Every structure is written in structure tokens, then in C-alpha cells.
Protein backbone atom coordinates (compact mmCIF):
# COMPACT_ATOMS: atom_id res chain seq x y z
CA MET A 1 216.67 37.98 -14.50
CA ASN A 2 220.16 38.31 -15.84
CA GLU A 3 223.36 37.62 -14.06
CA LYS A 4 224.27 41.11 -13.30
CA ASP A 5 220.63 41.57 -11.67
CA LEU A 6 221.09 38.23 -9.86
CA ILE A 7 224.49 39.49 -8.32
CA GLU A 8 223.01 42.66 -7.41
CA ALA A 9 219.98 41.12 -5.66
CA THR A 10 222.22 38.69 -3.59
CA LYS A 11 224.49 41.65 -2.61
CA VAL A 12 221.77 44.01 -1.10
CA PRO A 13 221.22 41.97 2.22
CA HIS A 14 224.73 41.52 2.90
CA CYS A 15 225.11 45.65 2.47
CA LEU A 16 222.08 46.33 4.40
CA ALA A 17 223.90 44.61 7.37
CA ASP A 18 226.92 46.60 6.74
CA PHE A 19 225.54 49.88 6.12
CA PRO A 20 222.04 50.34 8.24
CA LEU A 21 222.46 54.10 8.48
CA THR A 22 222.45 54.38 4.97
CA ALA A 23 219.31 52.37 4.64
CA GLN A 24 217.72 54.42 7.64
CA GLU A 25 218.80 57.80 5.58
CA ALA A 26 217.23 56.39 2.34
CA ARG A 27 214.09 55.97 4.00
CA HIS A 28 214.12 59.27 5.57
CA SER A 29 214.82 60.83 2.24
CA MET A 30 211.83 59.12 0.74
CA THR A 31 209.64 60.51 3.39
CA LEU A 32 210.98 63.85 2.97
CA TRP A 33 210.53 63.49 -0.91
CA LEU A 34 207.00 62.53 -0.16
CA SER A 35 206.39 65.95 1.90
CA GLY A 36 206.30 67.57 -1.65
CA ASN A 37 208.82 70.31 -0.26
CA THR A 38 211.88 69.22 -2.17
CA GLY A 39 211.33 71.08 -5.57
CA MET A 40 212.91 68.13 -7.05
CA SER A 41 212.00 65.14 -9.36
CA LEU A 42 212.15 61.83 -7.53
CA VAL A 43 215.25 60.73 -9.35
CA ASP A 44 217.12 64.06 -8.63
CA TRP A 45 216.25 63.72 -5.14
CA LEU A 46 217.51 60.30 -4.88
CA ASP A 47 220.87 61.29 -6.26
CA HIS A 48 221.16 64.48 -4.08
CA ARG A 49 220.18 62.83 -0.98
CA PHE A 50 222.76 59.91 -1.59
CA TRP A 51 225.48 62.19 -2.30
CA CYS A 52 224.78 64.34 0.90
CA HIS A 53 224.73 61.36 2.76
CA LEU A 54 228.03 60.17 1.32
CA ALA A 55 229.80 63.45 2.15
CA GLY A 56 232.61 62.76 4.64
CA LEU A 57 232.16 59.11 4.33
CA ASP A 58 234.73 56.54 2.88
CA VAL A 59 234.40 56.84 -0.67
CA THR A 60 235.58 53.39 -1.41
CA THR A 61 232.34 52.09 -0.07
CA ALA A 62 230.27 54.42 -2.35
CA ALA A 63 229.25 51.61 -4.75
CA ASP A 64 228.05 49.37 -1.91
CA ARG A 65 226.20 52.07 -0.01
CA TRP A 66 224.56 53.11 -3.30
CA ILE A 67 223.04 49.83 -3.54
CA VAL A 68 221.63 50.11 -0.07
CA PHE A 69 220.50 53.56 -0.47
CA LYS A 70 218.51 52.75 -3.69
CA ASP A 71 217.02 49.72 -2.33
CA ALA A 72 215.86 51.40 0.65
CA PHE A 73 214.42 54.18 -0.98
CA GLU A 74 212.60 52.11 -3.42
CA ARG A 75 211.37 49.82 -0.95
CA SER A 76 210.03 52.81 1.22
CA LEU A 77 208.37 54.17 -2.11
CA ALA A 78 206.66 50.67 -2.71
CA GLU A 79 205.60 50.39 0.90
CA HIS A 80 204.10 53.83 0.83
CA ILE A 81 202.12 53.10 -2.48
CA ALA A 82 201.06 49.66 -0.82
CA GLY A 83 199.74 51.57 2.24
CA VAL A 84 202.26 49.80 4.74
CA ASN A 85 201.92 51.67 7.95
CA HIS A 86 205.07 51.72 10.16
CA GLY A 87 203.91 53.71 12.92
């Protein structure tokens, strides 16, 4: 793990506490993508949903929100692949 990755890895938990709705939206976005009705690739959907989420919010928080959104989206995908059941 390089220094940049280490900084990013330690930043996520702090940001998660700051932006819980961003994490929630990311998990919801993953669920929507898994439905197969998006017509977009995973990466395009991730970007699209993040920018939709960011609309109307303070853009000075965009970098931190991106970290949270991407992390929650990736964790949700990993949990789906692993078969973790939240319901």
C-alpha cells in the first residue's frame, strides 16, 4: 500500500460519519444497478449516480463525498458477490 492509498484508507471512516446519506445513496445506487435496468456500465452508473446525488449540495465537499460514495458502492457490490444478506 502506497502513501496515497494509506491516506485514502484512513480517511473513509471519518468521511462516512460526516456523510451517512451519501453512503446510503451509494448502496441504493448499487441495488438499482443490480436490477439490470440501468442501461449503463457499472462505472458509468457509478459516476452518473454520484453526480446526481451531488446536485444541489455543497460542491466543496465533493471530494470527500466521492470517497464515501465510491467506498459504499464498492462494499455493497462486494457484499452482493459474497452473498451477504441485509434483509
